[in-house]
Amino acid sequence: MSDGSSVMNERTVQVTQPKAKLYVEADLAIREGLQRYPKALAAYEMLTTDSEARGHWDMANYITVRKLGYNDHGRVHALLTGAASVTILQLLTDHGVKPDVMESGVGDLDDTFLTVLLSTMLHDIGNQVHRVRHESFSVVLAIPILDRILEKLYRDPEQRIELRAFMLHSINCHDLEPEPLTIEAGVTAVADGTDITKGRGRKAFALGSVDIHSISALAVDEVQILKGEQVPVEIRVVMNNSAGIFQVEEVLTKKVLRSPIRDYVTVIASTHETEYDQRIIRRVRLHETEPRFTLD
């Protein structure tokens, strides 16, 4: 990437079924987004080839989808939310928002991208133990993986511990209990909330989980993360019918409103014909900005 946003402005990332396509598109989006951040990109390479992490993703998905009938919480979810987090963070920092890793003096922008990406991609691995208290389990299970990666990239043990602390906070707060306190944790929470499309709900529905979560997810065709006109980040949700508004209000909007990046994000939900006014955040008119990252 030649500057902070050029590559992602030039292309639309269409994330579609089948699963192989999901992996490829999300992986490409992350790699393009991290071209200016060598430590973050190196950490991403290590994480995606880490057999322990891959095992965690697989088992988290098995428990949530097969045993609980929930939506995807495995590697696909990790990659999609990781790509979303890179896009959101870039839009925020392009706008001059200063993340807490930098504000605290712990690291630079590269370190910040590394922090956000690792925490986002590992936030749900605790589901393999159980959905109940999965945030805390994710924290515990992530520590050895984070230590293994950070030891290869940072000589200073104090900086490793401090960066890891930011990651553990983000993981622990991604479902808002407790509420996230840092910009990085806010990005992780909101990125998690963007993965609400029909591709995520289809497997649970096919396995017999017919509830408001799966029905609503099937109604969401696309989520676009764009540069906003009035705020740095605009998230557009395009639905094939109004049932998708449950996902928007109960998943995505809640995460935006209760995160430290609430003032920098707007959400617009619409069917293919009608815009739904999300007044609880703020209304921004539709415009022709090219999507930075698209889930559909």
Protein backbone atom coordinates (compact mmCIF):
# COMPACT_ATOMS: atom_id res chain seq x y z
CA MET A 1 0.00 0.00 0.00
CA SER A 2 1.59 3.25 -1.10
CA ASP A 3 -0.32 5.37 1.39
CA GLY A 4 -2.70 4.84 4.27
CA SER A 5 -5.70 3.99 2.10
CA SER A 6 -4.99 3.82 -1.62
CA VAL A 7 -5.18 0.07 -2.18
CA MET A 8 -8.47 -0.41 -0.38
CA ASN A 9 -9.95 2.62 -2.16
CA GLU A 10 -9.16 1.07 -5.53
CA ARG A 11 -10.98 -2.21 -5.09
CA THR A 12 -14.08 -3.69 -3.53
CA VAL A 13 -13.56 -6.88 -1.59
CA GLN A 14 -16.54 -9.14 -2.23
CA VAL A 15 -16.69 -11.87 0.39
CA THR A 16 -19.00 -14.62 -0.82
CA GLN A 17 -19.67 -18.33 -0.43
CA PRO A 18 -18.28 -20.98 -0.74
CA LYS A 19 -15.91 -21.20 2.22
CA ALA A 20 -12.80 -21.33 0.06
CA LYS A 21 -13.82 -17.97 -1.37
CA LEU A 22 -14.29 -16.54 2.11
CA TYR A 23 -10.76 -17.56 3.11
CA VAL A 24 -9.19 -16.18 -0.03
CA GLU A 25 -10.96 -12.83 -0.08
CA ALA A 26 -10.54 -12.08 3.62
CA ASP A 27 -6.90 -13.15 3.55
CA LEU A 28 -6.26 -10.90 0.56
CA ALA A 29 -7.95 -7.94 2.24
CA ILE A 30 -5.82 -8.35 5.37
CA ARG A 31 -2.57 -8.68 3.42
CA GLU A 32 -3.33 -5.60 1.35
CA GLY A 33 -4.34 -3.63 4.40
CA LEU A 34 -1.09 -4.48 6.20
CA GLN A 35 1.37 -3.72 3.42
CA ARG A 36 2.69 -0.67 5.26
CA TYR A 37 2.88 -2.50 8.60
CA PRO A 38 5.57 -5.21 8.49
CA LYS A 39 5.31 -6.36 12.10
CA ALA A 40 1.55 -6.68 11.88
CA LEU A 41 1.83 -8.60 8.62
CA ALA A 42 4.49 -10.91 10.09
CA ALA A 43 2.25 -11.53 13.12
CA TYR A 44 -0.64 -12.37 10.79
CA GLU A 45 1.53 -14.89 8.93
CA MET A 46 2.53 -16.53 12.20
CA LEU A 47 -1.03 -16.65 13.52
CA THR A 48 -2.59 -18.19 10.42
CA THR A 49 0.06 -20.92 10.29
CA ASP A 50 -0.08 -21.62 14.05
CA SER A 51 -1.49 -25.13 14.54
CA GLU A 52 -2.71 -24.32 18.06
CA ALA A 53 -4.70 -21.32 16.80
CA ARG A 54 -6.18 -23.35 13.97
CA GLY A 55 -7.24 -26.05 16.42
CA HIS A 56 -8.88 -23.43 18.64
CA TRP A 57 -10.84 -21.99 15.71
CA ASP A 58 -12.00 -25.43 14.58
CA MET A 59 -13.21 -26.48 18.04
CA ALA A 60 -14.83 -23.12 18.79
CA ASN A 61 -16.79 -23.53 15.59
CA TYR A 62 -17.71 -27.14 16.38
CA ILE A 63 -19.20 -26.23 19.75
CA THR A 64 -21.05 -23.11 18.61
CA VAL A 65 -22.43 -24.44 15.32
CA ARG A 66 -22.83 -28.17 15.90
CA LYS A 67 -23.73 -28.22 19.58
CA LEU A 68 -25.42 -24.87 20.14
CA GLY A 69 -26.82 -24.14 16.69
CA TYR A 70 -25.20 -20.71 16.59
CA ASN A 71 -23.63 -18.92 13.66
CA ASP A 72 -20.03 -19.45 12.54
CA HIS A 73 -17.37 -18.72 15.18
CA GLY A 74 -14.35 -20.40 13.59
CA ARG A 75 -11.61 -19.53 11.12
CA VAL A 76 -13.93 -17.85 8.63
CA HIS A 77 -15.29 -15.55 11.34
CA ALA A 78 -11.74 -14.83 12.53
CA LEU A 79 -10.60 -13.87 9.05
CA LEU A 80 -13.65 -11.77 8.21
CA THR A 81 -13.56 -9.83 11.45
CA GLY A 82 -9.78 -9.48 11.15
CA ALA A 83 -10.18 -7.89 7.72
CA ALA A 84 -12.93 -5.61 9.04
CA SER A 85 -10.74 -4.52 11.97
CA VAL A 86 -7.86 -3.56 9.67
CA THR A 87 -10.21 -1.48 7.52
CA ILE A 88 -11.87 0.26 10.48
CA LEU A 89 -8.55 1.05 12.14
CA GLN A 90 -7.12 2.48 8.92
CA LEU A 91 -10.15 4.73 8.45
CA LEU A 92 -9.90 5.96 12.04
CA THR A 93 -6.18 6.70 11.92
CA ASP A 94 -6.48 8.35 8.50
CA HIS A 95 -8.93 10.71 10.18
CA GLY A 96 -6.48 11.49 12.99
CA VAL A 97 -7.92 9.28 15.72
CA LYS A 98 -5.07 8.30 18.05
CA PRO A 99 -5.25 4.70 19.29
CA ASP A 100 -4.41 3.88 22.90
CA VAL A 101 -1.29 1.88 22.00
CA MET A 102 0.16 5.11 20.62
CA GLU A 103 -1.40 7.43 23.22
CA SER A 104 0.15 5.37 26.01
CA GLY A 105 3.58 5.36 24.37
CA VAL A 106 3.65 1.56 24.21
CA GLY A 107 4.00 1.38 20.44
CA ASP A 108 3.59 2.94 17.01
CA LEU A 109 0.97 2.49 14.29
CA ASP A 110 2.44 -0.83 13.16
CA ASP A 111 2.19 -2.10 16.73
CA THR A 112 -1.40 -0.87 16.86
CA PHE A 113 -2.41 -2.80 13.75
CA LEU A 114 -0.72 -5.90 15.15
CA THR A 115 -2.61 -5.48 18.42
CA VAL A 116 -6.00 -5.04 16.80
CA LEU A 117 -5.58 -7.87 14.30
CA LEU A 118 -4.40 -10.48 16.80
CA SER A 119 -7.05 -9.63 19.38
CA THR A 120 -9.82 -9.64 16.80
CA MET A 121 -8.81 -12.94 15.24
CA LEU A 122 -8.54 -14.67 18.63
CA HIS A 123 -11.53 -13.11 20.38
CA ASP A 124 -13.87 -16.11 20.04
CA ILE A 125 -11.61 -19.12 20.61
CA GLY A 126 -12.99 -19.58 24.14
CA ASN A 127 -16.26 -20.85 22.66
CA GLN A 128 -14.62 -24.28 22.48
CA VAL A 129 -14.97 -24.49 26.28
CA HIS A 130 -18.50 -23.09 26.30
CA ARG A 131 -20.39 -20.07 25.08
CA VAL A 132 -20.94 -19.07 28.70
CA ARG A 133 -17.96 -16.95 29.80
CA HIS A 134 -16.27 -17.56 26.43
CA GLU A 135 -14.60 -14.14 26.63
CA SER A 136 -12.62 -15.15 29.72
CA PHE A 137 -11.74 -18.52 28.23
CA SER A 138 -10.54 -16.75 25.07
CA VAL A 139 -8.18 -14.62 27.16
CA VAL A 140 -6.62 -17.66 28.81
CA LEU A 141 -6.30 -19.65 25.59
CA ALA A 142 -4.85 -16.71 23.64
CA ILE A 143 -1.95 -16.02 26.03
CA PRO A 144 0.46 -18.77 24.85
CA ILE A 145 -0.23 -17.96 21.20
CA LEU A 146 0.33 -14.25 21.73
CA ASP A 147 3.51 -14.90 23.74
CA ARG A 148 4.88 -17.14 21.00
CA ILE A 149 4.27 -14.52 18.31
CA LEU A 150 5.37 -11.48 20.31
CA GLU A 151 8.63 -13.10 21.42
CA LYS A 152 9.64 -13.40 17.78
CA LEU A 153 8.91 -9.76 16.98
CA TYR A 154 9.85 -7.78 20.11
CA ARG A 155 13.09 -7.95 22.07
CA ASP A 156 11.84 -5.85 24.97
CA PRO A 157 9.84 -8.05 27.38
CA GLU A 158 8.18 -5.01 28.93
CA GLN A 159 6.77 -3.92 25.57
CA ARG A 160 5.60 -7.47 24.87
CA ILE A 161 3.66 -7.53 28.14
CA GLU A 162 2.15 -4.11 27.52
CA LEU A 163 1.04 -4.91 23.99
CA ARG A 164 -0.38 -8.21 25.16
CA ALA A 165 -2.34 -6.36 27.85
CA PHE A 166 -4.06 -4.28 25.17
CA MET A 167 -4.93 -7.46 23.27
CA LEU A 168 -6.28 -9.28 26.31
CA HIS A 169 -8.45 -6.29 27.18
CA SER A 170 -9.87 -6.25 23.65
CA ILE A 171 -10.59 -9.98 23.73
CA ASN A 172 -12.23 -9.80 27.15
CA CYS A 173 -14.49 -6.87 26.19
CA HIS A 174 -15.56 -7.80 22.67
CA ASP A 175 -19.10 -8.73 23.80
CA LEU A 176 -19.43 -5.56 25.90
CA GLU A 177 -19.40 -7.27 29.31
CA PRO A 178 -17.45 -5.42 30.55
CA GLU A 179 -17.52 -2.49 28.14
CA PRO A 180 -14.37 -1.87 26.06
CA LEU A 181 -12.26 1.05 27.26
CA THR A 182 -9.66 1.49 24.51
CA ILE A 183 -9.86 2.45 20.85
CA GLU A 184 -8.34 -0.92 19.96
CA ALA A 185 -10.98 -2.80 21.97
CA GLY A 186 -13.69 -0.72 20.32
CA VAL A 187 -12.40 -1.68 16.89
CA THR A 188 -12.41 -5.36 17.82
CA ALA A 189 -15.96 -5.17 19.16
CA VAL A 190 -17.34 -3.31 16.15
CA ALA A 191 -15.46 -5.52 13.68
CA ASP A 192 -17.04 -8.52 15.40
CA GLY A 193 -20.44 -6.89 14.97
CA THR A 194 -20.00 -6.47 11.22
CA ASP A 195 -20.04 -10.22 10.55
CA ILE A 196 -23.84 -10.53 10.35
CA THR A 197 -24.43 -11.60 6.75
CA LYS A 198 -26.40 -14.55 5.41
CA GLY A 199 -23.23 -16.55 4.76
CA ARG A 200 -22.67 -16.76 8.50
CA GLY A 201 -26.20 -17.88 9.31
CA ARG A 202 -26.74 -20.35 6.49
CA LYS A 203 -24.93 -23.28 8.10
CA ALA A 204 -26.76 -22.96 11.40
CA PHE A 205 -30.07 -22.75 9.53
CA ALA A 206 -29.23 -25.83 7.46
CA LEU A 207 -28.45 -27.76 10.65
CA GLY A 208 -31.91 -26.98 12.01
CA SER A 209 -31.37 -23.81 14.03
CA VAL A 210 -34.43 -21.75 13.10
CA ASP A 211 -34.45 -18.72 15.39
CA ILE A 212 -34.35 -14.95 15.09
CA HIS A 213 -30.53 -15.00 14.84
CA SER A 214 -30.36 -17.37 11.87
CA ILE A 215 -33.44 -15.91 10.14
CA SER A 216 -32.16 -12.37 10.59
CA ALA A 217 -28.67 -13.29 9.38
CA LEU A 218 -30.16 -14.81 6.24
CA ALA A 219 -31.87 -11.47 5.57
CA VAL A 220 -28.56 -9.55 5.48
CA ASP A 221 -27.03 -9.63 2.01
CA GLU A 222 -24.08 -7.33 2.46
CA VAL A 223 -22.12 -5.24 4.93
CA GLN A 224 -19.92 -2.46 3.55
CA ILE A 225 -17.27 -0.57 5.50
CA LEU A 226 -16.57 2.79 3.89
CA LYS A 227 -15.03 6.17 4.48
CA GLY A 228 -17.83 8.35 5.80
CA GLU A 229 -18.63 11.91 4.83
CA GLN A 230 -19.36 13.23 8.31
CA VAL A 231 -17.53 10.63 10.41
CA PRO A 232 -14.49 8.45 9.60
CA VAL A 233 -16.34 5.12 9.32
CA GLU A 234 -19.65 4.40 7.63
CA ILE A 235 -21.07 0.89 7.89
CA ARG A 236 -23.84 0.09 5.43
CA VAL A 237 -26.00 -2.99 5.87
CA VAL A 238 -28.01 -4.09 2.83
CA MET A 239 -30.88 -6.48 3.55
CA ASN A 240 -33.12 -8.56 1.30
CA ASN A 241 -35.96 -8.04 3.79
CA SER A 242 -36.58 -6.16 7.02
CA ALA A 243 -35.94 -9.20 9.25
CA GLY A 244 -32.27 -8.28 9.05
CA ILE A 245 -32.89 -5.22 11.20
CA PHE A 246 -32.65 -7.50 14.26
CA GLN A 247 -29.01 -8.22 13.44
CA VAL A 248 -28.35 -4.53 12.88
CA GLU A 249 -29.95 -3.34 16.12
CA GLU A 250 -29.12 -6.20 18.47
CA VAL A 251 -25.60 -7.02 17.26
CA LEU A 252 -23.90 -4.27 15.27
CA THR A 253 -25.55 -1.11 16.63
CA LYS A 254 -25.14 -2.16 20.26
CA LYS A 255 -21.45 -2.71 19.70
CA VAL A 256 -21.04 0.68 18.08
CA LEU A 257 -22.95 2.56 20.76
CA ARG A 258 -21.11 0.98 23.68
CA SER A 259 -17.61 1.27 22.27
CA PRO A 260 -15.04 4.08 22.55
CA ILE A 261 -15.28 4.62 18.78
CA ARG A 262 -19.01 5.46 18.87
CA ASP A 263 -18.40 9.08 17.81
CA TYR A 264 -16.47 7.98 14.73
CA VAL A 265 -18.91 5.43 13.27
CA THR A 266 -22.31 5.64 11.63
CA VAL A 267 -24.55 2.75 10.60
CA ILE A 268 -27.04 2.77 7.73
CA ALA A 269 -29.38 -0.17 7.21
CA SER A 270 -31.48 -0.54 4.07
CA THR A 271 -33.33 -3.03 1.97
CA HIS A 272 -32.60 -2.96 -1.74
CA GLU A 273 -35.35 -0.36 -2.08
CA THR A 274 -35.70 1.45 1.25
CA GLU A 275 -33.31 3.10 3.68
CA TYR A 276 -33.93 2.46 7.36
CA ASP A 277 -33.11 5.47 9.50
CA GLN A 278 -30.92 4.38 12.42
CA ARG A 279 -31.58 7.46 14.53
CA ILE A 280 -29.97 6.05 17.65
CA ILE A 281 -26.58 6.60 16.04
CA ARG A 282 -26.93 9.35 13.42
CA ARG A 283 -28.21 9.55 9.88
CA VAL A 284 -25.79 9.94 6.99
CA ARG A 285 -27.13 10.12 3.45
CA LEU A 286 -26.11 7.45 0.96
CA HIS A 287 -23.32 8.50 -1.37
CA GLU A 288 -21.11 7.00 -4.03
CA THR A 289 -18.04 6.20 -1.94
CA GLU A 290 -16.48 2.88 -2.99
CA PRO A 291 -16.62 0.24 -0.21
CA ARG A 292 -13.37 -0.44 1.60
CA PHE A 293 -14.45 -3.94 2.63
CA THR A 294 -17.64 -5.78 1.75
CA LEU A 295 -19.19 -8.86 3.34
CA ASP A 296 -21.92 -10.54 1.37
